[in-house]
Structures are given as structure tokens and as C-alpha cells.
């Protein structure tokens, strides 16, 4: 029966360390997590909290344009909020491909690589299946991005290639 490696205290006093693979939580991994979660949070906050319900340029019952909510600097950026959010997300994923992070070594590389490839492929497929044609469905975030959904899908695949360069 094979013995599973146990987390033990190493010579530096780090409790979260695998003796064969190194520490689980590093500063680089913490930065990657902050960027990933921050990017996702930025996109979701903009879509559900700032953006007018029917999108920018939509008219209310009185014929006046709907006004965005929340802080004005978010509203002034309009569609650039998606760019900021996705850049933070992709940068965080790329940073997590470093060998000093759990996703950058061992099986984590394969998980990160295949995960990014599959998410990118599914993103593009959802876009082509549901959002092209005469009657596009309202899928949150997808409906605002339009053809830029292709860049998002390809961006996930590009991050998958950064994981692929670490695969041994």
C-alpha cells in the first residue's frame, strides 16, 4: 500500500508545506488568488451593480436613457470594466502557472492547462450557440461583450498555453 505524503512542519516553521513539493501557500499564489477573485468580482460588480438593467443606451418608460448606478468612475469606464476584470483574471491565472504555486507544479499544471482550454472552448461554443442569430438570448456578461466573447475564449486558451509550458 502506497503511503500518502503528509503535510509537516519544515525547517522554516511552515506548517503548510509538502516535503517533496514545497509550500502550498506562497506570496505569489496569494497575489494570483487576489487577482483572479478581484477580476471576477470586478466583472460581476460592474454587470449587476453598476450597469443599467438593459445596458448602456437603453431608454426607460419616459424615453430618457437609463442611468448607471454606483460610483461614477465605474460608470464612466463602461465596457472597459470588462477589459480590466478579464485582464486581472488572466494575469492571476498566468501568475498561478509559476512553479512556486500549487497550480504550477505536478498535477496542478495539467489541471490548470486543461481547465483553461476547456473553459475557453465552452465560452466560445456558448457564444456561438446562444448569442448569434436573429434572437440572441440574454446570458449575463455574454450579451454585453458581443463579438468580444471570442477574445475572452481565446484569452482562456492562451493562459492554458502558459500552463502547457510548465508541463513536464
C-alpha atoms as a PDB file:
ATOM      1  CA  UNK A   1       0.000   0.000   0.000  1.00  0.00           C
ATOM      2  CA  UNK A   2       1.420   3.370  -1.035  1.00  0.00           C
ATOM      3  CA  UNK A   3       1.919   5.969   1.651  1.00  0.00           C
ATOM      4  CA  UNK A   4       0.426   9.370   1.030  1.00  0.00           C
ATOM      5  CA  UNK A   5       2.686  12.339   1.723  1.00  0.00           C
ATOM      6  CA  UNK A   6       1.725  14.230   4.855  1.00  0.00           C
ATOM      7  CA  UNK A   7       1.981  17.926   5.466  1.00  0.00           C
ATOM      8  CA  UNK A   8       4.539  18.538   8.134  1.00  0.00           C
ATOM      9  CA  UNK A   9       6.376  21.411   9.701  1.00  0.00           C
ATOM     10  CA  UNK A  10       9.544  22.142   7.733  1.00  0.00           C
ATOM     11  CA  UNK A  11      12.756  23.719   8.979  1.00  0.00           C
ATOM     12  CA  UNK A  12      11.393  27.231   8.375  1.00  0.00           C
ATOM     13  CA  UNK A  13       8.380  26.519  10.571  1.00  0.00           C
ATOM     14  CA  UNK A  14       5.948  26.485   7.643  1.00  0.00           C
ATOM     15  CA  UNK A  15       3.089  24.144   8.504  1.00  0.00           C
ATOM     16  CA  UNK A  16       1.559  24.209   5.030  1.00  0.00           C
ATOM     17  CA  UNK A  17       4.413  22.510   3.214  1.00  0.00           C
ATOM     18  CA  UNK A  18       4.718  19.210   1.419  1.00  0.00           C
ATOM     19  CA  UNK A  19       8.298  17.979   1.911  1.00  0.00           C
ATOM     20  CA  UNK A  20       8.533  16.857  -1.732  1.00  0.00           C
ATOM     21  CA  UNK A  21       6.734  19.733  -3.440  1.00  0.00           C
ATOM     22  CA  UNK A  22       7.259  22.798  -1.287  1.00  0.00           C
ATOM     23  CA  UNK A  23       4.898  25.239   0.407  1.00  0.00           C
ATOM     24  CA  UNK A  24       1.246  25.262  -0.538  1.00  0.00           C
ATOM     25  CA  UNK A  25       0.606  28.950   0.162  1.00  0.00           C
ATOM     26  CA  UNK A  26       3.199  31.399  -1.088  1.00  0.00           C
ATOM     27  CA  UNK A  27       3.106  35.143  -1.652  1.00  0.00           C
ATOM     28  CA  UNK A  28       2.949  34.557  -5.410  1.00  0.00           C
ATOM     29  CA  UNK A  29      -0.056  32.265  -5.028  1.00  0.00           C
ATOM     30  CA  UNK A  30      -1.778  34.782  -2.739  1.00  0.00           C
ATOM     31  CA  UNK A  31      -1.273  37.515  -5.356  1.00  0.00           C
ATOM     32  CA  UNK A  32      -2.645  35.186  -8.042  1.00  0.00           C
ATOM     33  CA  UNK A  33      -5.736  34.428  -5.944  1.00  0.00           C
ATOM     34  CA  UNK A  34      -6.334  38.126  -5.260  1.00  0.00           C
ATOM     35  CA  UNK A  35      -6.073  38.935  -8.983  1.00  0.00           C
ATOM     36  CA  UNK A  36      -8.349  36.055 -10.012  1.00  0.00           C
ATOM     37  CA  UNK A  37     -11.013  36.791  -7.413  1.00  0.00           C
ATOM     38  CA  UNK A  38     -10.634  40.545  -7.908  1.00  0.00           C
ATOM     39  CA  UNK A  39     -11.108  40.214 -11.672  1.00  0.00           C
ATOM     40  CA  UNK A  40     -14.202  38.052 -11.278  1.00  0.00           C
ATOM     41  CA  UNK A  41     -15.552  40.394  -8.600  1.00  0.00           C
ATOM     42  CA  UNK A  42     -14.902  43.476 -10.764  1.00  0.00           C
ATOM     43  CA  UNK A  43     -16.827  41.982 -13.693  1.00  0.00           C
ATOM     44  CA  UNK A  44     -19.754  40.817 -11.554  1.00  0.00           C
ATOM     45  CA  UNK A  45     -19.981  44.096  -9.618  1.00  0.00           C
ATOM     46  CA  UNK A  46     -19.998  46.081 -12.840  1.00  0.00           C
ATOM     47  CA  UNK A  47     -22.616  43.882 -14.520  1.00  0.00           C
ATOM     48  CA  UNK A  48     -25.030  43.535 -11.607  1.00  0.00           C
ATOM     49  CA  UNK A  49     -24.320  46.702  -9.618  1.00  0.00           C
ATOM     50  CA  UNK A  50     -23.307  49.500 -11.979  1.00  0.00           C
ATOM     51  CA  UNK A  51     -24.571  48.798 -15.473  1.00  0.00           C
ATOM     52  CA  UNK A  52     -28.141  49.869 -16.277  1.00  0.00           C
ATOM     53  CA  UNK A  53     -30.528  46.906 -16.359  1.00  0.00           C
ATOM     54  CA  UNK A  54     -30.947  46.943 -20.134  1.00  0.00           C
ATOM     55  CA  UNK A  55     -27.412  48.074 -20.875  1.00  0.00           C
ATOM     56  CA  UNK A  56     -25.968  51.464 -21.765  1.00  0.00           C
ATOM     57  CA  UNK A  57     -28.010  53.437 -24.268  1.00  0.00           C
ATOM     58  CA  UNK A  58     -31.313  51.813 -23.262  1.00  0.00           C
ATOM     59  CA  UNK A  59     -34.336  54.022 -22.711  1.00  0.00           C
ATOM     60  CA  UNK A  60     -36.739  53.961 -19.773  1.00  0.00           C
ATOM     61  CA  UNK A  61     -40.537  54.375 -19.944  1.00  0.00           C
ATOM     62  CA  UNK A  62     -40.194  58.177 -20.116  1.00  0.00           C
ATOM     63  CA  UNK A  63     -37.900  57.987 -23.163  1.00  0.00           C
ATOM     64  CA  UNK A  64     -34.805  59.061 -21.228  1.00  0.00           C
ATOM     65  CA  UNK A  65     -31.604  56.999 -21.153  1.00  0.00           C
ATOM     66  CA  UNK A  66     -31.243  54.699 -18.143  1.00  0.00           C
ATOM     67  CA  UNK A  67     -28.613  55.937 -15.732  1.00  0.00           C
ATOM     68  CA  UNK A  68     -25.962  53.653 -14.250  1.00  0.00           C
ATOM     69  CA  UNK A  69     -25.772  53.142 -10.503  1.00  0.00           C
ATOM     70  CA  UNK A  70     -22.818  53.004  -8.146  1.00  0.00           C
ATOM     71  CA  UNK A  71     -19.599  55.053  -8.218  1.00  0.00           C
ATOM     72  CA  UNK A  72     -19.262  57.322 -11.247  1.00  0.00           C
ATOM     73  CA  UNK A  73     -15.743  56.178 -12.150  1.00  0.00           C
ATOM     74  CA  UNK A  74     -17.099  52.669 -12.775  1.00  0.00           C
ATOM     75  CA  UNK A  75     -19.894  54.034 -14.948  1.00  0.00           C
ATOM     76  CA  UNK A  76     -17.506  56.290 -16.884  1.00  0.00           C
ATOM     77  CA  UNK A  77     -15.433  53.278 -17.923  1.00  0.00           C
ATOM     78  CA  UNK A  78     -18.494  51.468 -19.350  1.00  0.00           C
ATOM     79  CA  UNK A  79     -17.262  48.489 -21.415  1.00  0.00           C
ATOM     80  CA  UNK A  80     -13.655  48.945 -20.298  1.00  0.00           C
ATOM     81  CA  UNK A  81     -14.692  47.440 -16.960  1.00  0.00           C
ATOM     82  CA  UNK A  82     -14.806  44.061 -18.700  1.00  0.00           C
ATOM     83  CA  UNK A  83     -11.294  44.626 -20.044  1.00  0.00           C
ATOM     84  CA  UNK A  84      -9.994  45.456 -16.551  1.00  0.00           C
ATOM     85  CA  UNK A  85     -11.713  42.453 -14.998  1.00  0.00           C
ATOM     86  CA  UNK A  86     -10.612  39.939 -17.616  1.00  0.00           C
ATOM     87  CA  UNK A  87      -7.022  41.237 -17.646  1.00  0.00           C
ATOM     88  CA  UNK A  88      -6.872  40.800 -13.859  1.00  0.00           C
ATOM     89  CA  UNK A  89      -8.363  37.300 -14.166  1.00  0.00           C
ATOM     90  CA  UNK A  90      -5.978  36.207 -16.932  1.00  0.00           C
ATOM     91  CA  UNK A  91      -2.963  37.770 -15.207  1.00  0.00           C
ATOM     92  CA  UNK A  92      -3.829  35.952 -11.976  1.00  0.00           C
ATOM     93  CA  UNK A  93      -4.142  32.652 -13.822  1.00  0.00           C
ATOM     94  CA  UNK A  94      -0.826  33.239 -15.616  1.00  0.00           C
ATOM     95  CA  UNK A  95       0.903  34.041 -12.319  1.00  0.00           C
ATOM     96  CA  UNK A  96      -0.510  30.848 -10.815  1.00  0.00           C
ATOM     97  CA  UNK A  97       1.314  28.860 -13.525  1.00  0.00           C
ATOM     98  CA  UNK A  98       4.664  29.591 -11.819  1.00  0.00           C
ATOM     99  CA  UNK A  99       6.365  26.529 -10.255  1.00  0.00           C
ATOM    100  CA  UNK A 100       6.243  28.116  -6.784  1.00  0.00           C
ATOM    101  CA  UNK A 101       2.434  27.856  -6.743  1.00  0.00           C
ATOM    102  CA  UNK A 102       0.352  24.685  -6.364  1.00  0.00           C
ATOM    103  CA  UNK A 103      -1.060  25.044  -9.894  1.00  0.00           C
ATOM    104  CA  UNK A 104       2.426  25.462 -11.353  1.00  0.00           C
ATOM    105  CA  UNK A 105       3.815  22.089 -10.357  1.00  0.00           C
ATOM    106  CA  UNK A 106       2.840  18.442 -10.509  1.00  0.00           C
ATOM    107  CA  UNK A 107      -0.746  17.640 -11.375  1.00  0.00           C
ATOM    108  CA  UNK A 108      -1.751  21.273 -10.910  1.00  0.00           C
ATOM    109  CA  UNK A 109      -0.210  22.136 -14.269  1.00  0.00           C
ATOM    110  CA  UNK A 110      -2.418  19.625 -16.065  1.00  0.00           C
ATOM    111  CA  UNK A 111      -5.496  20.768 -14.149  1.00  0.00           C
ATOM    112  CA  UNK A 112      -4.786  24.431 -14.930  1.00  0.00           C
ATOM    113  CA  UNK A 113      -3.948  23.760 -18.572  1.00  0.00           C
ATOM    114  CA  UNK A 114      -6.950  21.564 -19.339  1.00  0.00           C
ATOM    115  CA  UNK A 115      -9.241  23.752 -17.236  1.00  0.00           C
ATOM    116  CA  UNK A 116      -8.296  26.891 -19.180  1.00  0.00           C
ATOM    117  CA  UNK A 117      -8.542  25.108 -22.538  1.00  0.00           C
ATOM    118  CA  UNK A 118     -11.977  23.698 -21.723  1.00  0.00           C
ATOM    119  CA  UNK A 119     -13.316  26.969 -20.271  1.00  0.00           C
ATOM    120  CA  UNK A 120     -12.148  28.819 -23.402  1.00  0.00           C
ATOM    121  CA  UNK A 121     -13.727  26.261 -25.717  1.00  0.00           C
ATOM    122  CA  UNK A 122     -17.003  26.216 -23.778  1.00  0.00           C
ATOM    123  CA  UNK A 123     -17.058  30.047 -23.678  1.00  0.00           C
ATOM    124  CA  UNK A 124     -16.772  30.250 -27.469  1.00  0.00           C
ATOM    125  CA  UNK A 125     -19.307  27.444 -28.011  1.00  0.00           C
ATOM    126  CA  UNK A 126     -21.858  29.098 -25.710  1.00  0.00           C
ATOM    127  CA  UNK A 127     -21.363  32.337 -27.594  1.00  0.00           C
ATOM    128  CA  UNK A 128     -21.905  30.736 -30.997  1.00  0.00           C
ATOM    129  CA  UNK A 129     -24.841  28.574 -29.914  1.00  0.00           C
ATOM    130  CA  UNK A 130     -26.852  31.093 -27.908  1.00  0.00           C
ATOM    131  CA  UNK A 131     -25.788  34.604 -28.888  1.00  0.00           C
ATOM    132  CA  UNK A 132     -25.567  34.620 -32.650  1.00  0.00           C
ATOM    133  CA  UNK A 133     -28.523  34.798 -34.981  1.00  0.00           C
ATOM    134  CA  UNK A 134     -31.695  36.836 -35.076  1.00  0.00           C
ATOM    135  CA  UNK A 135     -32.882  36.300 -31.485  1.00  0.00           C
ATOM    136  CA  UNK A 136     -29.895  36.381 -29.083  1.00  0.00           C
ATOM    137  CA  UNK A 137     -30.621  35.132 -25.579  1.00  0.00           C
ATOM    138  CA  UNK A 138     -29.753  37.271 -22.584  1.00  0.00           C
ATOM    139  CA  UNK A 139     -26.884  35.475 -20.899  1.00  0.00           C
ATOM    140  CA  UNK A 140     -25.262  37.785 -18.334  1.00  0.00           C
ATOM    141  CA  UNK A 141     -21.911  39.249 -19.439  1.00  0.00           C
ATOM    142  CA  UNK A 142     -22.056  37.433 -22.795  1.00  0.00           C
ATOM    143  CA  UNK A 143     -24.793  39.771 -24.046  1.00  0.00           C
ATOM    144  CA  UNK A 144     -22.681  42.896 -23.381  1.00  0.00           C
ATOM    145  CA  UNK A 145     -19.483  41.567 -24.929  1.00  0.00           C
ATOM    146  CA  UNK A 146     -20.873  40.572 -28.330  1.00  0.00           C
ATOM    147  CA  UNK A 147     -18.057  39.531 -30.674  1.00  0.00           C
ATOM    148  CA  UNK A 148     -15.522  40.250 -27.918  1.00  0.00           C
ATOM    149  CA  UNK A 149     -16.570  36.886 -26.428  1.00  0.00           C
ATOM    150  CA  UNK A 150     -14.178  35.331 -28.940  1.00  0.00           C
ATOM    151  CA  UNK A 151     -11.289  37.274 -27.378  1.00  0.00           C
ATOM    152  CA  UNK A 152     -12.300  36.042 -23.926  1.00  0.00           C
ATOM    153  CA  UNK A 153     -12.400  32.409 -25.085  1.00  0.00           C
ATOM    154  CA  UNK A 154      -9.072  32.749 -26.869  1.00  0.00           C
ATOM    155  CA  UNK A 155      -7.657  34.503 -23.780  1.00  0.00           C
ATOM    156  CA  UNK A 156      -8.518  31.481 -21.623  1.00  0.00           C
ATOM    157  CA  UNK A 157      -6.835  29.232 -24.180  1.00  0.00           C
ATOM    158  CA  UNK A 158      -3.736  31.461 -24.243  1.00  0.00           C
ATOM    159  CA  UNK A 159      -3.480  31.176 -20.452  1.00  0.00           C
ATOM    160  CA  UNK A 160      -3.803  27.404 -20.920  1.00  0.00           C
ATOM    161  CA  UNK A 161      -0.658  27.574 -23.058  1.00  0.00           C
ATOM    162  CA  UNK A 162       1.219  29.285 -20.223  1.00  0.00           C
ATOM    163  CA  UNK A 163       0.396  26.220 -18.121  1.00  0.00           C
ATOM    164  CA  UNK A 164       1.438  23.972 -21.034  1.00  0.00           C
ATOM    165  CA  UNK A 165       4.942  25.455 -20.991  1.00  0.00           C
ATOM    166  CA  UNK A 166       5.343  24.178 -17.394  1.00  0.00           C
ATOM    167  CA  UNK A 167       4.239  20.625 -18.189  1.00  0.00           C
ATOM    168  CA  UNK A 168       6.936  18.009 -17.832  1.00  0.00           C
END
